[in-house]
Structure formats: structure tokens, C-alpha cells
Amino acid sequence: MSKIVIALGGNALGNSANEQLTKAELAAQSIADLIIAGHHVVIAHGNGPQVGQIRLAFENIGGDDPEKVMPFPECTAMSQGYIGYHLQQAIDEELVARGLNDVPVVSMLTQVVVDPEDPAFENPTKPIGGYYDEETAKKIMDETGDVYKEDAGRGWRRVVPSPKPMDIYEKVSLQTLVDAGQVVIACGGGGIPVVYRGKRYEGVDAVIDKDFAASKMAALIDADIFIILTAVDHVFVNFGKENQEALVDTTVEKMKEYIKEDQFAPGSMLPKVEAAIDFAESKAGRKSIIASLEQASEAVVGKSGTIVQQ
């Protein structure tokens, strides 16, 4: 039996609560396939569309008053709660339908520790929330110190840093649940980013890439396999060109060479490849796979997906 961490994209969960519940049921089928096959599964998920909707809802309620807008770490916590709730329900129902009535499924709020000196804090790039005209955006910047940037002609949006994960605050609790054989849903949306200040951890306005957070979690719980589920069955080089090639079984060093050749799009496939490399090279024998949700169980046995290992 392998211990597997799955990173499930937020976009795969739809754009509304009803759509998300339906798509969570589809994701649960692939996850249940792995559990039925005897694997121990831990799940991370994205929250891109969902956390943006939460933030925008509070912006619409609060208007120009920054005191009425929910802080971003709290928005991430809210998204962890309701996405985890939907996944937890869907996975549990799928397992029961297949005769597994004694496999506990639990979702946990997860704080991910980041370095306050991470260079990302000097260059916020991750857009969140709604669009504003230039005058309103600059007024908000003057009042709050937040950073807003023009976004592809659609208006001005707030941008926040995207630091790398260093540790998981709840790692002892996480490990305890995993060791007890529970199916755990954690590190939702990359985790709630926190930094240590004084005598406590404090939430910061930032977005941690969910694939990097999931890779860190996989290493901390000593997983055997890390799977990033995305919209395609394989990673490609020369993507979209006549000489496009699907990567099936490759090495860490080869993927690093492809990165130097700019083969993977920043903000899309590149962070997935980098997260896969991080886990695969963290310990001998570890393996990362990038595959589609529908082909998850086939990917584990080498019949689909891109495998990355040392």
C-alpha cells in the first residue's frame, strides 16, 4: 500500500456551491478508486475561484470601507471550510456506496508557515478580489497600503505575495490523523499563510501555491507518491507545436533542463512541474505524477500521466 497525497485544482471544483458539490462527487470517484485499491490517500485542494468569490462578496458589502472587508487569511479559512465540507461529504458517500463504511474522512483547517523575509513579499503578483477603476484603486492604496495593479485592460485589482511554504503548523495533528488511517483533506488553497511574530503566529495577506503546499505536506507525512491532478493527461514539451511531445516517465534532472528551456508556462504548468520536482528529490524513492483527474488510478500504475523521479 502506498501513501499518496493528491493535489486537486480549485478550478476543477466549479464556480458555484451547487456546481462544486457536483464536481466534488466526480472527484470522489477517482479518489475512492485509489482507496479501494488499498492506498492511503491525503488530499489538498485549490481555492482560486472560490476565495475570490468570498473576497468579492465582502468587498461588495463593504464598499470603499476597508474595515468592512474580511481579511484575506480569513477568506482562505472560509474557503477551506466549505470546500473541505463538500469533498468530505462526497468522498464519504462514495466510499459507503462501495461498501467501505469504516474509513473516516476528515477536513482540517491548515495554517502553512511562510518566511516573512521571503522575496515574494517585496513583489506581490497574485491578483485577488474585484476590479476597480484607477482612481478608486489609488484611493484604496493610499488608505490601506495595499498594492493594486492594472490587470490586462480589465481594471485594477489588488495583488498579494505568493511566498513558498516552509512548514505546516498543524503537522503533528495531521500526522496523527494520517497514522490513524483517516482520509485527510488539508492545506486547502495552499493553506492559511502565517508568519511567526513575537510569541504567536499571525495570518498574512498572501496566497501560497497549492501545489507547493501539497508537495511540502507530502514530504512532511513521508508520502510515497505525490499526484497533481490537472486538466491534461500528461505534461507536454513544445506544447501546441507540430513537434509536441507527451512526457511519460522522466527524471528530475530532465525536467530541470526543460525548465531552463522555458518549456512550461509560468502560472500554469511551471509551478506544477516545480512542485513535482521538489517532492521527487526530497528523498530517495519518492515519485511525483502529473495527470488528469479521470486518469488518477491509471496514473498510479504507470498507465497514464507524467511520472517524475530521481
C-alpha atoms as a PDB file:
ATOM      1  CA  MET A   1       0.000   0.000   0.000  1.00  0.00           C
ATOM      2  CA  SER A   2       1.301   3.442  -0.950  1.00  0.00           C
ATOM      3  CA  LYS A   3       0.743   6.658   0.932  1.00  0.00           C
ATOM      4  CA  ILE A   4      -0.467   9.152  -1.677  1.00  0.00           C
ATOM      5  CA  VAL A   5      -1.002  12.919  -1.499  1.00  0.00           C
ATOM      6  CA  ILE A   6      -3.326  14.304  -4.168  1.00  0.00           C
ATOM      7  CA  ALA A   7      -3.375  17.983  -5.158  1.00  0.00           C
ATOM      8  CA  LEU A   8      -6.786  18.785  -6.652  1.00  0.00           C
ATOM      9  CA  GLY A   9      -7.135  22.047  -8.574  1.00  0.00           C
ATOM     10  CA  GLY A  10      -9.649  24.662  -7.401  1.00  0.00           C
ATOM     11  CA  ASN A  11     -10.842  25.216 -10.966  1.00  0.00           C
ATOM     12  CA  ALA A  12     -11.836  21.546 -11.076  1.00  0.00           C
ATOM     13  CA  LEU A  13     -14.451  22.318  -8.427  1.00  0.00           C
ATOM     14  CA  GLY A  14     -16.544  24.797 -10.416  1.00  0.00           C
ATOM     15  CA  ASN A  15     -17.724  28.366  -9.901  1.00  0.00           C
ATOM     16  CA  SER A  16     -20.705  27.983  -7.569  1.00  0.00           C
ATOM     17  CA  ALA A  17     -21.613  25.967  -4.481  1.00  0.00           C
ATOM     18  CA  ASN A  18     -24.009  23.719  -6.417  1.00  0.00           C
ATOM     19  CA  GLU A  19     -21.528  23.159  -9.249  1.00  0.00           C
ATOM     20  CA  GLN A  20     -18.794  22.471  -6.723  1.00  0.00           C
ATOM     21  CA  LEU A  21     -20.828  19.794  -4.948  1.00  0.00           C
ATOM     22  CA  THR A  22     -21.473  18.034  -8.271  1.00  0.00           C
ATOM     23  CA  LYS A  23     -17.804  18.185  -9.272  1.00  0.00           C
ATOM     24  CA  ALA A  24     -16.716  17.051  -5.808  1.00  0.00           C
ATOM     25  CA  GLU A  25     -18.788  13.922  -6.379  1.00  0.00           C
ATOM     26  CA  LEU A  26     -16.897  13.269  -9.626  1.00  0.00           C
ATOM     27  CA  ALA A  27     -13.536  13.837  -7.900  1.00  0.00           C
ATOM     28  CA  ALA A  28     -14.618  11.473  -5.122  1.00  0.00           C
ATOM     29  CA  GLN A  29     -14.963   8.636  -7.623  1.00  0.00           C
ATOM     30  CA  SER A  30     -11.292   8.854  -8.640  1.00  0.00           C
ATOM     31  CA  ILE A  31     -10.180   9.255  -5.032  1.00  0.00           C
ATOM     32  CA  ALA A  32     -12.267   6.253  -3.982  1.00  0.00           C
ATOM     33  CA  ASP A  33     -10.689   4.169  -6.759  1.00  0.00           C
ATOM     34  CA  LEU A  34      -7.307   4.671  -5.102  1.00  0.00           C
ATOM     35  CA  ILE A  35      -8.622   3.899  -1.620  1.00  0.00           C
ATOM     36  CA  ILE A  36     -10.371   0.745  -2.844  1.00  0.00           C
ATOM     37  CA  ALA A  37      -7.056  -0.303  -4.428  1.00  0.00           C
ATOM     38  CA  GLY A  38      -5.519  -0.225  -0.953  1.00  0.00           C
ATOM     39  CA  HIS A  39      -3.752   3.140  -0.991  1.00  0.00           C
ATOM     40  CA  HIS A  40      -3.799   5.621   1.886  1.00  0.00           C
ATOM     41  CA  VAL A  41      -4.891   8.962   0.448  1.00  0.00           C
ATOM     42  CA  VAL A  42      -4.450  12.531   1.706  1.00  0.00           C
ATOM     43  CA  ILE A  43      -5.996  15.371  -0.302  1.00  0.00           C
ATOM     44  CA  ALA A  44      -5.068  19.001  -0.850  1.00  0.00           C
ATOM     45  CA  HIS A  45      -7.163  21.312  -2.997  1.00  0.00           C
ATOM     46  CA  GLY A  46      -7.014  24.689  -4.665  1.00  0.00           C
ATOM     47  CA  ASN A  47      -9.405  27.566  -3.959  1.00  0.00           C
ATOM     48  CA  GLY A  48      -8.692  30.119  -6.707  1.00  0.00           C
ATOM     49  CA  PRO A  49     -12.242  30.827  -7.906  1.00  0.00           C
ATOM     50  CA  GLN A  50     -13.814  30.225  -4.500  1.00  0.00           C
ATOM     51  CA  VAL A  51     -11.649  32.512  -2.372  1.00  0.00           C
ATOM     52  CA  GLY A  52     -12.003  35.241  -4.993  1.00  0.00           C
ATOM     53  CA  GLN A  53     -15.786  34.983  -4.736  1.00  0.00           C
ATOM     54  CA  ILE A  54     -15.650  35.187  -0.945  1.00  0.00           C
ATOM     55  CA  ARG A  55     -13.387  38.228  -1.027  1.00  0.00           C
ATOM     56  CA  LEU A  56     -15.509  39.927  -3.695  1.00  0.00           C
ATOM     57  CA  ALA A  57     -18.693  39.333  -1.704  1.00  0.00           C
ATOM     58  CA  PHE A  58     -17.224  41.165   1.285  1.00  0.00           C
ATOM     59  CA  GLU A  59     -15.900  43.940  -0.949  1.00  0.00           C
ATOM     60  CA  ASN A  60     -19.402  44.403  -2.372  1.00  0.00           C
ATOM     61  CA  ILE A  61     -20.848  44.554   1.138  1.00  0.00           C
ATOM     62  CA  GLY A  62     -18.183  46.880   2.500  1.00  0.00           C
ATOM     63  CA  GLY A  63     -17.856  49.205  -0.488  1.00  0.00           C
ATOM     64  CA  ASP A  64     -14.918  51.579  -0.076  1.00  0.00           C
ATOM     65  CA  ASP A  65     -14.686  50.984   3.696  1.00  0.00           C
ATOM     66  CA  PRO A  66     -11.654  48.702   4.257  1.00  0.00           C
ATOM     67  CA  GLU A  67     -12.858  47.984   7.822  1.00  0.00           C
ATOM     68  CA  LYS A  68     -15.856  46.107   6.407  1.00  0.00           C
ATOM     69  CA  VAL A  69     -13.830  43.854   4.114  1.00  0.00           C
ATOM     70  CA  MET A  70     -12.916  40.437   5.502  1.00  0.00           C
ATOM     71  CA  PRO A  71      -9.110  39.988   5.877  1.00  0.00           C
ATOM     72  CA  PHE A  72      -7.674  37.644   3.280  1.00  0.00           C
ATOM     73  CA  PRO A  73      -6.403  34.921   5.676  1.00  0.00           C
ATOM     74  CA  GLU A  74      -9.955  34.618   6.997  1.00  0.00           C
ATOM     75  CA  CYS A  75     -11.262  34.329   3.423  1.00  0.00           C
ATOM     76  CA  THR A  76      -8.867  31.439   2.854  1.00  0.00           C
ATOM     77  CA  ALA A  77     -10.070  29.787   6.065  1.00  0.00           C
ATOM     78  CA  MET A  78     -13.678  30.128   4.895  1.00  0.00           C
ATOM     79  CA  SER A  79     -12.835  28.518   1.561  1.00  0.00           C
ATOM     80  CA  GLN A  80     -11.055  25.648   3.325  1.00  0.00           C
ATOM     81  CA  GLY A  81     -14.182  25.066   5.383  1.00  0.00           C
ATOM     82  CA  TYR A  82     -16.791  24.836   2.686  1.00  0.00           C
ATOM     83  CA  ILE A  83     -14.644  23.129   0.036  1.00  0.00           C
ATOM     84  CA  GLY A  84     -13.483  20.610   2.623  1.00  0.00           C
ATOM     85  CA  TYR A  85     -17.094  20.059   3.679  1.00  0.00           C
ATOM     86  CA  HIS A  86     -18.146  19.256   0.101  1.00  0.00           C
ATOM     87  CA  LEU A  87     -15.176  16.951  -0.536  1.00  0.00           C
ATOM     88  CA  GLN A  88     -15.601  15.237   2.825  1.00  0.00           C
ATOM     89  CA  GLN A  89     -19.275  14.537   2.131  1.00  0.00           C
ATOM     90  CA  ALA A  90     -18.668  13.358  -1.419  1.00  0.00           C
ATOM     91  CA  ILE A  91     -15.778  11.027  -0.562  1.00  0.00           C
ATOM     92  CA  ASP A  92     -17.584   9.552   2.434  1.00  0.00           C
ATOM     93  CA  GLU A  93     -20.736   8.899   0.379  1.00  0.00           C
ATOM     94  CA  GLU A  94     -18.720   7.286  -2.420  1.00  0.00           C
ATOM     95  CA  LEU A  95     -16.856   5.008  -0.003  1.00  0.00           C
ATOM     96  CA  VAL A  96     -20.079   3.956   1.741  1.00  0.00           C
ATOM     97  CA  ALA A  97     -21.679   3.231  -1.642  1.00  0.00           C
ATOM     98  CA  ARG A  98     -18.770   0.875  -2.352  1.00  0.00           C
ATOM     99  CA  GLY A  99     -19.096  -0.922   0.951  1.00  0.00           C
ATOM    100  CA  LEU A 100     -16.387   0.894   2.931  1.00  0.00           C
ATOM    101  CA  ASN A 101     -18.322   2.095   5.959  1.00  0.00           C
ATOM    102  CA  ASP A 102     -15.408   2.325   8.381  1.00  0.00           C
ATOM    103  CA  VAL A 103     -12.989   4.707   6.626  1.00  0.00           C
ATOM    104  CA  PRO A 104     -13.143   8.110   8.391  1.00  0.00           C
ATOM    105  CA  VAL A 105     -12.893  11.203   6.190  1.00  0.00           C
ATOM    106  CA  VAL A 106     -11.960  14.490   7.847  1.00  0.00           C
ATOM    107  CA  SER A 107     -11.109  18.009   6.667  1.00  0.00           C
ATOM    108  CA  MET A 108      -8.922  20.255   8.781  1.00  0.00           C
ATOM    109  CA  LEU A 109      -8.143  23.935   8.756  1.00  0.00           C
ATOM    110  CA  THR A 110      -4.456  24.184   7.951  1.00  0.00           C
ATOM    111  CA  GLN A 111      -2.028  27.026   8.615  1.00  0.00           C
ATOM    112  CA  VAL A 112       1.101  26.999   6.478  1.00  0.00           C
ATOM    113  CA  VAL A 113       4.170  28.793   7.803  1.00  0.00           C
ATOM    114  CA  VAL A 114       5.989  31.163   5.445  1.00  0.00           C
ATOM    115  CA  ASP A 115       9.133  33.242   5.836  1.00  0.00           C
ATOM    116  CA  PRO A 116       8.391  36.941   6.485  1.00  0.00           C
ATOM    117  CA  GLU A 117      11.619  37.666   4.600  1.00  0.00           C
ATOM    118  CA  ASP A 118      10.514  35.730   1.512  1.00  0.00           C
ATOM    119  CA  PRO A 119      11.323  37.904  -1.557  1.00  0.00           C
ATOM    120  CA  ALA A 120       7.715  37.441  -2.703  1.00  0.00           C
ATOM    121  CA  PHE A 121       6.640  39.983  -0.082  1.00  0.00           C
ATOM    122  CA  GLU A 122       8.620  42.635  -1.948  1.00  0.00           C
ATOM    123  CA  ASN A 123       6.940  41.787  -5.255  1.00  0.00           C
ATOM    124  CA  PRO A 124       3.247  40.895  -4.869  1.00  0.00           C
ATOM    125  CA  THR A 125       1.948  39.337  -8.075  1.00  0.00           C
ATOM    126  CA  LYS A 126      -1.141  37.243  -7.246  1.00  0.00           C
ATOM    127  CA  PRO A 127      -4.401  39.082  -8.162  1.00  0.00           C
ATOM    128  CA  ILE A 128      -7.353  38.691  -5.797  1.00  0.00           C
ATOM    129  CA  GLY A 129     -10.775  40.236  -5.424  1.00  0.00           C
ATOM    130  CA  GLY A 130     -12.710  42.546  -7.726  1.00  0.00           C
ATOM    131  CA  TYR A 131     -11.834  45.145 -10.348  1.00  0.00           C
ATOM    132  CA  TYR A 132     -11.691  48.892  -9.701  1.00  0.00           C
ATOM    133  CA  ASP A 133     -11.119  51.975 -11.789  1.00  0.00           C
ATOM    134  CA  GLU A 134      -7.738  53.636 -11.396  1.00  0.00           C
ATOM    135  CA  GLU A 135      -8.978  56.472  -9.207  1.00  0.00           C
ATOM    136  CA  THR A 136     -10.713  54.153  -6.733  1.00  0.00           C
ATOM    137  CA  ALA A 137      -7.774  51.740  -6.646  1.00  0.00           C
ATOM    138  CA  LYS A 138      -5.298  54.507  -5.863  1.00  0.00           C
ATOM    139  CA  LYS A 139      -7.591  55.863  -3.143  1.00  0.00           C
ATOM    140  CA  ILE A 140      -7.730  52.424  -1.508  1.00  0.00           C
ATOM    141  CA  MET A 141      -3.934  52.089  -1.791  1.00  0.00           C
ATOM    142  CA  ASP A 142      -3.476  55.443  -0.027  1.00  0.00           C
ATOM    143  CA  GLU A 143      -5.849  54.412   2.762  1.00  0.00           C
ATOM    144  CA  THR A 144      -4.674  50.849   3.327  1.00  0.00           C
ATOM    145  CA  GLY A 145      -1.163  50.481   1.912  1.00  0.00           C
ATOM    146  CA  ASP A 146      -2.351  47.541  -0.201  1.00  0.00           C
ATOM    147  CA  VAL A 147      -0.948  47.145  -3.716  1.00  0.00           C
ATOM    148  CA  TYR A 148      -3.208  47.363  -6.775  1.00  0.00           C
ATOM    149  CA  LYS A 149      -2.148  46.827 -10.367  1.00  0.00           C
ATOM    150  CA  GLU A 150      -3.826  47.197 -13.732  1.00  0.00           C
ATOM    151  CA  ASP A 151      -4.961  43.780 -14.978  1.00  0.00           C
ATOM    152  CA  ALA A 152      -4.940  43.299 -18.765  1.00  0.00           C
ATOM    153  CA  GLY A 153      -7.202  46.258 -19.505  1.00  0.00           C
ATOM    154  CA  ARG A 154      -9.998  44.948 -17.287  1.00  0.00           C
ATOM    155  CA  GLY A 155      -9.384  47.308 -14.382  1.00  0.00           C
ATOM    156  CA  TRP A 156      -7.225  47.499 -11.283  1.00  0.00           C
ATOM    157  CA  ARG A 157      -7.032  44.565  -8.862  1.00  0.00           C
ATOM    158  CA  ARG A 158      -5.319  44.012  -5.579  1.00  0.00           C
ATOM    159  CA  VAL A 159      -2.201  41.829  -5.767  1.00  0.00           C
ATOM    160  CA  VAL A 160      -0.698  39.897  -2.863  1.00  0.00           C
ATOM    161  CA  PRO A 161       2.564  37.963  -2.404  1.00  0.00           C
ATOM    162  CA  SER A 162       2.891  34.248  -3.149  1.00  0.00           C
ATOM    163  CA  PRO A 163       5.611  33.005  -0.742  1.00  0.00           C
ATOM    164  CA  LYS A 164       6.917  29.452  -0.619  1.00  0.00           C
ATOM    165  CA  PRO A 165       5.693  27.157   2.198  1.00  0.00           C
ATOM    166  CA  MET A 166       8.199  26.348   4.945  1.00  0.00           C
ATOM    167  CA  ASP A 167       6.214  24.232   7.393  1.00  0.00           C
ATOM    168  CA  ILE A 168       2.696  23.217   8.419  1.00  0.00           C
ATOM    169  CA  TYR A 169       1.623  24.453  11.847  1.00  0.00           C
ATOM    170  CA  GLU A 170      -0.765  21.524  12.397  1.00  0.00           C
ATOM    171  CA  LYS A 171       1.719  18.878  11.226  1.00  0.00           C
ATOM    172  CA  VAL A 172       1.538  16.874  14.471  1.00  0.00           C
ATOM    173  CA  SER A 173      -2.257  16.692  14.299  1.00  0.00           C
ATOM    174  CA  LEU A 174      -2.054  15.952  10.584  1.00  0.00           C
ATOM    175  CA  GLN A 175       0.402  13.099  11.138  1.00  0.00           C
ATOM    176  CA  THR A 176      -1.744  11.685  13.944  1.00  0.00           C
ATOM    177  CA  LEU A 177      -4.814  11.543  11.694  1.00  0.00           C
ATOM    178  CA  VAL A 178      -2.825  10.019   8.838  1.00  0.00           C
ATOM    179  CA  ASP A 179      -1.264   7.401  11.128  1.00  0.00           C
ATOM    180  CA  ALA A 180      -4.778   6.524  12.342  1.00  0.00           C
ATOM    181  CA  GLY A 181      -5.731   5.605   8.789  1.00  0.00           C
ATOM    182  CA  GLN A 182      -8.066   8.524   8.156  1.00  0.00           C
ATOM    183  CA  VAL A 183      -8.587  10.150   4.776  1.00  0.00           C
ATOM    184  CA  VAL A 184      -7.483  13.719   5.471  1.00  0.00           C
ATOM    185  CA  ILE A 185      -8.308  16.852   3.482  1.00  0.00           C
ATOM    186  CA  ALA A 186      -5.750  19.545   4.350  1.00  0.00           C
ATOM    187  CA  CYS A 187      -3.740  22.508   3.036  1.00  0.00           C
ATOM    188  CA  GLY A 188      -6.779  23.828   1.184  1.00  0.00           C
ATOM    189  CA  GLY A 189      -5.949  26.712  -1.124  1.00  0.00           C
ATOM    190  CA  GLY A 190      -2.281  26.323  -0.248  1.00  0.00           C
ATOM    191  CA  GLY A 191      -3.079  26.756   3.437  1.00  0.00           C
ATOM    192  CA  ILE A 192      -3.710  29.863   5.515  1.00  0.00           C
ATOM    193  CA  PRO A 193      -0.348  31.672   5.308  1.00  0.00           C
ATOM    194  CA  VAL A 194       1.076  32.597   8.722  1.00  0.00           C
ATOM    195  CA  VAL A 195       4.328  34.083   9.994  1.00  0.00           C
ATOM    196  CA  TYR A 196       5.836  33.933  13.488  1.00  0.00           C
ATOM    197  CA  ARG A 197       5.874  37.326  15.170  1.00  0.00           C
ATOM    198  CA  GLY A 198       6.704  37.873  18.799  1.00  0.00           C
ATOM    199  CA  LYS A 199       5.126  34.977  20.647  1.00  0.00           C
ATOM    200  CA  ARG A 200       2.481  33.874  18.152  1.00  0.00           C
ATOM    201  CA  TYR A 201       1.713  33.054  14.551  1.00  0.00           C
ATOM    202  CA  GLU A 202      -0.225  35.674  12.599  1.00  0.00           C
ATOM    203  CA  GLY A 203      -2.069  35.402   9.316  1.00  0.00           C
ATOM    204  CA  VAL A 204      -0.714  37.443   6.412  1.00  0.00           C
ATOM    205  CA  ASP A 205      -2.293  38.621   3.184  1.00  0.00           C
ATOM    206  CA  ALA A 206      -0.733  36.192   0.743  1.00  0.00           C
ATOM    207  CA  VAL A 207      -1.554  33.197  -1.449  1.00  0.00           C
ATOM    208  CA  ILE A 208       0.544  30.039  -1.258  1.00  0.00           C
ATOM    209  CA  ASP A 209       0.543  27.962  -4.418  1.00  0.00           C
ATOM    210  CA  LYS A 210      -1.488  24.858  -3.584  1.00  0.00           C
ATOM    211  CA  ASP A 211       0.869  22.519  -5.451  1.00  0.00           C
ATOM    212  CA  PHE A 212       3.890  23.726  -3.451  1.00  0.00           C
ATOM    213  CA  ALA A 213       1.920  23.411  -0.203  1.00  0.00           C
ATOM    214  CA  ALA A 214       0.749  19.917  -1.148  1.00  0.00           C
ATOM    215  CA  SER A 215       4.330  18.923  -2.033  1.00  0.00           C
ATOM    216  CA  LYS A 216       5.511  20.154   1.365  1.00  0.00           C
ATOM    217  CA  MET A 217       2.718  18.225   3.091  1.00  0.00           C
ATOM    218  CA  ALA A 218       3.605  15.068   1.134  1.00  0.00           C
ATOM    219  CA  ALA A 219       7.216  15.316   2.298  1.00  0.00           C
ATOM    220  CA  LEU A 220       6.258  16.002   5.937  1.00  0.00           C
ATOM    221  CA  ILE A 221       3.977  12.970   6.209  1.00  0.00           C
ATOM    222  CA  ASP A 222       6.527  10.804   4.351  1.00  0.00           C
ATOM    223  CA  ALA A 223       4.265  10.008   1.396  1.00  0.00           C
ATOM    224  CA  ASP A 224       5.415   7.644  -1.328  1.00  0.00           C
ATOM    225  CA  ILE A 225       3.635   9.305  -4.233  1.00  0.00           C
ATOM    226  CA  PHE A 226       2.562  12.903  -4.889  1.00  0.00           C
ATOM    227  CA  ILE A 227      -0.090  13.357  -7.579  1.00  0.00           C
ATOM    228  CA  ILE A 228      -1.010  16.706  -9.114  1.00  0.00           C
ATOM    229  CA  LEU A 229      -4.368  16.380 -10.871  1.00  0.00           C
ATOM    230  CA  THR A 230      -4.940  18.830 -13.682  1.00  0.00           C
ATOM    231  CA  ALA A 231      -6.839  19.190 -16.974  1.00  0.00           C
ATOM    232  CA  VAL A 232      -4.465  17.135 -19.157  1.00  0.00           C
ATOM    233  CA  ASP A 233      -3.334  13.506 -19.128  1.00  0.00           C
ATOM    234  CA  HIS A 234       0.374  14.389 -19.498  1.00  0.00           C
ATOM    235  CA  VAL A 235       2.878  17.213 -19.327  1.00  0.00           C
ATOM    236  CA  PHE A 236       4.000  18.236 -22.814  1.00  0.00           C
ATOM    237  CA  VAL A 237       7.131  19.792 -24.236  1.00  0.00           C
ATOM    238  CA  ASN A 238       6.833  22.005 -27.332  1.00  0.00           C
ATOM    239  CA  PHE A 239       3.184  22.346 -26.337  1.00  0.00           C
ATOM    240  CA  GLY A 240       0.898  23.392 -29.178  1.00  0.00           C
ATOM    241  CA  LYS A 241       3.576  22.930 -31.847  1.00  0.00           C
ATOM    242  CA  GLU A 242       3.906  20.305 -34.563  1.00  0.00           C
ATOM    243  CA  ASN A 243       6.640  18.546 -32.577  1.00  0.00           C
ATOM    244  CA  GLN A 244       4.605  18.476 -29.348  1.00  0.00           C
ATOM    245  CA  GLU A 245       5.612  15.518 -27.180  1.00  0.00           C
ATOM    246  CA  ALA A 246       3.919  13.994 -24.146  1.00  0.00           C
ATOM    247  CA  LEU A 247       6.262  13.186 -21.274  1.00  0.00           C
ATOM    248  CA  VAL A 248       5.563   9.776 -19.747  1.00  0.00           C
ATOM    249  CA  ASP A 249       8.432   8.709 -17.487  1.00  0.00           C
ATOM    250  CA  THR A 250      11.103  11.312 -16.849  1.00  0.00           C
ATOM    251  CA  THR A 251      13.676  12.422 -14.292  1.00  0.00           C
ATOM    252  CA  VAL A 252      14.155  15.393 -12.028  1.00  0.00           C
ATOM    253  CA  GLU A 253      17.254  16.458 -13.952  1.00  0.00           C
ATOM    254  CA  LYS A 254      15.481  16.255 -17.292  1.00  0.00           C
ATOM    255  CA  MET A 255      12.590  18.364 -16.031  1.00  0.00           C
ATOM    256  CA  LYS A 256      15.049  20.958 -14.755  1.00  0.00           C
ATOM    257  CA  GLU A 257      16.542  21.116 -18.253  1.00  0.00           C
ATOM    258  CA  TYR A 258      13.088  21.662 -19.732  1.00  0.00           C
ATOM    259  CA  ILE A 259      12.502  24.487 -17.258  1.00  0.00           C
ATOM    260  CA  LYS A 260      15.706  26.182 -18.450  1.00  0.00           C
ATOM    261  CA  GLU A 261      14.331  25.885 -21.999  1.00  0.00           C
ATOM    262  CA  ASP A 262      11.121  27.693 -20.899  1.00  0.00           C
ATOM    263  CA  GLN A 263       9.025  24.686 -21.886  1.00  0.00           C
ATOM    264  CA  PHE A 264       6.385  25.266 -19.201  1.00  0.00           C
ATOM    265  CA  ALA A 265       4.100  28.284 -18.896  1.00  0.00           C
ATOM    266  CA  PRO A 266       4.547  30.393 -15.720  1.00  0.00           C
ATOM    267  CA  GLY A 267       1.397  30.474 -13.628  1.00  0.00           C
ATOM    268  CA  SER A 268       0.143  27.314 -15.336  1.00  0.00           C
ATOM    269  CA  MET A 269       2.240  24.161 -15.784  1.00  0.00           C
ATOM    270  CA  LEU A 270       5.534  25.553 -14.431  1.00  0.00           C
ATOM    271  CA  PRO A 271       4.580  25.598 -10.725  1.00  0.00           C
ATOM    272  CA  LYS A 272       3.160  22.089 -11.041  1.00  0.00           C
ATOM    273  CA  VAL A 273       6.426  20.832 -12.512  1.00  0.00           C
ATOM    274  CA  GLU A 274       8.466  22.663  -9.855  1.00  0.00           C
ATOM    275  CA  ALA A 275       6.316  21.205  -7.061  1.00  0.00           C
ATOM    276  CA  ALA A 276       6.668  17.732  -8.583  1.00  0.00           C
ATOM    277  CA  ILE A 277      10.456  18.165  -8.662  1.00  0.00           C
ATOM    278  CA  ASP A 278      10.541  19.372  -5.028  1.00  0.00           C
ATOM    279  CA  PHE A 279       8.845  16.205  -3.779  1.00  0.00           C
ATOM    280  CA  ALA A 280      10.644  13.748  -6.067  1.00  0.00           C
ATOM    281  CA  GLU A 281      14.078  14.968  -4.991  1.00  0.00           C
ATOM    282  CA  SER A 282      13.222  15.337  -1.286  1.00  0.00           C
ATOM    283  CA  LYS A 283      14.006  11.660  -0.544  1.00  0.00           C
ATOM    284  CA  ALA A 284      15.169   8.633  -2.486  1.00  0.00           C
ATOM    285  CA  GLY A 285      12.328   6.526  -3.859  1.00  0.00           C
ATOM    286  CA  ARG A 286       9.716   9.259  -3.905  1.00  0.00           C
ATOM    287  CA  LYS A 287       7.697   9.737  -7.073  1.00  0.00           C
ATOM    288  CA  SER A 288       5.598  12.612  -8.423  1.00  0.00           C
ATOM    289  CA  ILE A 289       2.891  12.255 -11.051  1.00  0.00           C
ATOM    290  CA  ILE A 290       1.078  14.930 -13.047  1.00  0.00           C
ATOM    291  CA  ALA A 291      -2.126  13.558 -14.568  1.00  0.00           C
ATOM    292  CA  SER A 292      -5.802  14.224 -15.220  1.00  0.00           C
ATOM    293  CA  LEU A 293      -8.443  13.638 -12.569  1.00  0.00           C
ATOM    294  CA  GLU A 294     -10.141  10.981 -14.669  1.00  0.00           C
ATOM    295  CA  GLN A 295      -6.906   9.001 -15.052  1.00  0.00           C
ATOM    296  CA  ALA A 296      -5.716   9.158 -11.429  1.00  0.00           C
ATOM    297  CA  SER A 297      -5.867   5.435 -10.685  1.00  0.00           C
ATOM    298  CA  GLU A 298      -4.300   4.564 -14.053  1.00  0.00           C
ATOM    299  CA  ALA A 299      -1.502   7.069 -13.391  1.00  0.00           C
ATOM    300  CA  VAL A 300      -0.535   5.335 -10.134  1.00  0.00           C
ATOM    301  CA  VAL A 301       0.136   2.091 -12.016  1.00  0.00           C
ATOM    302  CA  GLY A 302       2.012   3.846 -14.840  1.00  0.00           C
ATOM    303  CA  LYS A 303      -0.732   3.718 -17.475  1.00  0.00           C
ATOM    304  CA  SER A 304      -1.250   7.491 -17.697  1.00  0.00           C
ATOM    305  CA  GLY A 305       0.260  10.762 -16.567  1.00  0.00           C
ATOM    306  CA  THR A 306       3.805  12.092 -16.395  1.00  0.00           C
ATOM    307  CA  ILE A 307       5.990  10.400 -13.781  1.00  0.00           C
ATOM    308  CA  VAL A 308       8.876  12.408 -12.289  1.00  0.00           C
ATOM    309  CA  GLN A 309      11.509  10.690 -10.140  1.00  0.00           C
ATOM    310  CA  GLN A 310      15.207  10.799  -9.437  1.00  0.00           C
END
